[in-house]
Protein backbone atom coordinates (compact mmCIF):
# COMPACT_ATOMS: atom_id res chain seq x y z
CA MET A 1 47.83 7.33 18.06
CA PRO A 2 45.23 4.70 18.58
CA LEU A 3 44.02 4.15 22.30
CA THR A 4 45.08 1.79 24.48
CA ARG A 5 43.05 -1.16 25.79
CA GLU A 6 43.07 0.78 29.21
CA GLN A 7 41.96 4.21 27.79
CA ILE A 8 39.32 2.41 25.86
CA CYS A 9 38.07 0.15 29.24
CA GLU A 10 38.11 3.98 30.88
CA ILE A 11 35.79 5.17 28.16
CA LYS A 12 33.39 2.24 28.36
CA ALA A 13 33.34 2.70 31.90
CA ALA A 14 32.66 6.26 31.50
CA VAL A 15 29.79 5.85 29.06
CA LYS A 16 28.25 3.40 31.28
CA VAL A 17 28.43 5.34 34.19
CA SER A 18 26.96 8.30 32.12
CA ILE A 19 23.95 6.14 30.72
CA ASP A 20 23.03 5.06 34.38
CA GLU A 21 23.09 8.23 35.43
CA LEU A 22 20.59 9.31 32.63
CA ILE A 23 18.42 6.43 33.13
CA GLN A 24 17.92 7.19 36.75
CA ASN A 25 17.06 10.93 35.94
CA ASP A 26 13.16 11.63 35.89
CA ALA A 27 13.57 15.12 33.82
CA PHE A 28 15.42 13.04 31.18
CA ILE A 29 13.45 10.32 30.79
CA GLN A 30 9.85 12.31 30.78
CA CYS A 31 11.63 14.36 27.80
CA VAL A 32 12.54 11.35 25.85
CA CYS A 33 8.87 9.96 26.58
CA GLU A 34 7.37 13.24 24.97
CA THR A 35 9.49 13.37 21.96
CA LEU A 36 9.06 9.58 21.27
CA THR A 37 4.89 10.38 21.62
CA LYS A 38 5.24 13.58 19.86
CA THR A 39 7.62 11.80 16.72
CA ILE A 40 5.08 8.58 16.78
CA GLU A 41 1.98 10.99 16.50
CA LYS A 42 3.27 12.62 13.53
CA LYS A 43 4.54 9.59 12.16
CA ILE A 44 0.78 8.03 12.67
CA ASP A 45 -0.75 10.92 11.33
CA GLU A 46 1.54 10.96 8.27
CA ALA A 47 0.65 7.15 8.25
CA LEU A 48 -3.55 7.97 7.99
CA LYS A 49 -2.93 10.76 5.50
CA THR A 50 -1.34 8.28 3.39
CA TYR A 51 -3.56 5.46 3.80
CA SER A 52 -6.38 8.21 3.30
CA ASP A 53 -5.29 9.49 0.09
CA SER A 54 -4.63 5.87 -0.91
CA ILE A 55 -8.02 4.87 -0.33
CA GLU A 56 -8.97 7.76 -2.89
CA HIS A 57 -6.73 6.57 -5.36
CA LEU A 58 -8.01 2.98 -5.07
CA GLU A 59 -11.49 3.82 -5.29
CA GLU A 60 -11.06 6.11 -7.86
CA GLN A 61 -9.01 3.32 -9.96
CA ASN A 62 -11.81 0.93 -8.90
CA ASN A 63 -14.55 3.26 -10.28
CA ALA A 64 -12.33 3.34 -13.46
CA LEU A 65 -13.17 -0.41 -14.02
CA GLN A 66 -16.74 -1.08 -12.39
CA ALA A 67 -18.68 2.04 -12.95
CA GLU A 68 -21.58 0.62 -14.66
CA GLU A 69 -23.25 2.02 -18.09
CA HIS A 70 -26.07 1.28 -19.71
CA ASP A 71 -24.94 -1.45 -22.99
CA GLU A 72 -21.31 -1.22 -21.41
CA ASN A 73 -18.63 -3.89 -23.02
CA LEU A 74 -17.43 -5.30 -20.00
CA GLU A 75 -14.72 -7.58 -22.39
CA ARG A 76 -13.49 -4.44 -23.77
CA LYS A 77 -12.98 -2.99 -19.99
CA VAL A 78 -11.42 -5.87 -18.72
CA ILE A 79 -8.71 -5.98 -21.15
CA ALA A 80 -8.06 -2.30 -21.46
CA PHE A 81 -7.70 -2.35 -17.51
CA CYS A 82 -5.78 -5.52 -17.59
CA LYS A 83 -3.71 -3.78 -20.08
CA ASP A 84 -3.35 -0.07 -18.49
CA LYS A 85 -3.00 -0.80 -14.80
CA LEU A 86 -1.51 -4.13 -14.65
CA GLY A 87 0.52 -4.56 -17.49
CA VAL A 88 -0.79 -7.72 -18.02
CA THR A 89 -1.69 -7.94 -22.16
CA ILE A 90 -5.05 -10.34 -22.78
CA GLU A 91 -6.73 -10.68 -25.81
CA SER A 92 -10.74 -11.09 -26.41
CA ASN A 93 -10.08 -14.97 -26.90
CA ASP A 94 -7.88 -15.19 -23.52
CA ILE A 95 -11.40 -14.08 -21.87
CA ASP A 96 -13.93 -17.14 -21.79
CA GLY A 97 -16.79 -15.58 -20.06
CA VAL A 98 -17.27 -11.98 -17.88
CA HIS A 99 -20.29 -10.37 -15.90
CA ARG A 100 -21.40 -8.26 -13.11
CA LEU A 101 -21.85 -10.20 -9.73
CA GLY A 102 -25.61 -9.85 -8.36
CA LYS A 103 -28.70 -7.79 -9.59
CA ALA A 104 -28.48 -4.34 -11.25
CA ASP A 105 -29.46 -1.23 -8.50
CA LYS A 106 -29.28 1.71 -9.04
CA SER A 107 -28.99 2.86 -5.06
CA LYS A 108 -25.60 1.02 -5.50
CA SER A 109 -23.08 2.74 -7.86
CA SER A 110 -21.64 -0.22 -8.71
CA ARG A 111 -21.17 -4.29 -8.86
CA PRO A 112 -18.00 -6.49 -8.82
CA ILE A 113 -16.80 -7.97 -11.96
CA MET A 114 -16.68 -11.65 -12.54
CA ILE A 115 -13.89 -13.08 -15.26
CA GLN A 116 -13.42 -16.46 -16.30
CA PHE A 117 -10.55 -16.94 -18.53
CA THR A 118 -9.83 -19.90 -21.12
CA ASN A 119 -6.10 -19.49 -20.44
CA HIS A 120 -5.25 -20.48 -16.72
CA PRO A 121 -1.61 -19.75 -16.98
CA LEU A 122 -2.94 -15.69 -17.18
CA ASN A 123 -4.77 -16.42 -13.92
CA PRO A 124 -1.48 -15.75 -12.06
CA MET A 125 0.05 -12.80 -13.81
CA ILE A 126 -3.17 -11.14 -13.54
CA LEU A 127 -3.07 -11.94 -9.71
CA MET A 128 0.45 -10.68 -9.61
CA GLY A 129 -0.41 -7.47 -11.79
CA TYR A 130 -2.81 -6.89 -9.15
CA ILE A 131 -1.03 -6.95 -5.91
CA ALA A 132 1.78 -4.33 -7.88
CA TRP A 133 -0.94 -2.03 -8.80
CA GLU A 134 -2.14 -2.36 -4.68
CA ARG A 135 1.28 -2.02 -3.59
CA LEU A 136 1.62 1.05 -5.95
CA ILE A 137 -1.28 2.53 -4.57
CA ASN A 138 -0.67 2.05 -1.11
CA LEU A 139 2.70 3.91 -1.56
CA ASN A 140 0.60 6.70 -2.41
CA HIS A 141 2.48 7.15 -6.27
CA PRO A 142 -0.50 8.78 -8.15
CA ALA A 143 1.57 9.50 -10.71
CA LEU A 144 2.09 5.94 -11.68
CA LEU A 145 -1.66 4.95 -11.42
């Protein structure tokens, strides 16, 4: 049997009174605050761990492309990185130039790579692939990297 309007109004009034009493109860408020604080701290700890793990994966992936070797073939490294990590297939003739920035320094592990493409429509494809790859890292899916 469905409730009448009058019964619904009575229930609403009783709920409102109960909520008002709870809001004025200091012990209840303290309990809610402690629970929220613990939950937030736990979520922050989880987020920091995920972020830390993501940074480690990003560093590993970044080093995979940027690790310097004597007589390295940067063009081949860039083509493999785009295909394997970004899902964008490029050919040798799509690259106009590729080189490392700055002077070689034994104390630094690697230098950034500058790539100039001959095919300008590739630029957004590479960028979108990199953004998607970076999001996977941020979502902490190491199996997909």
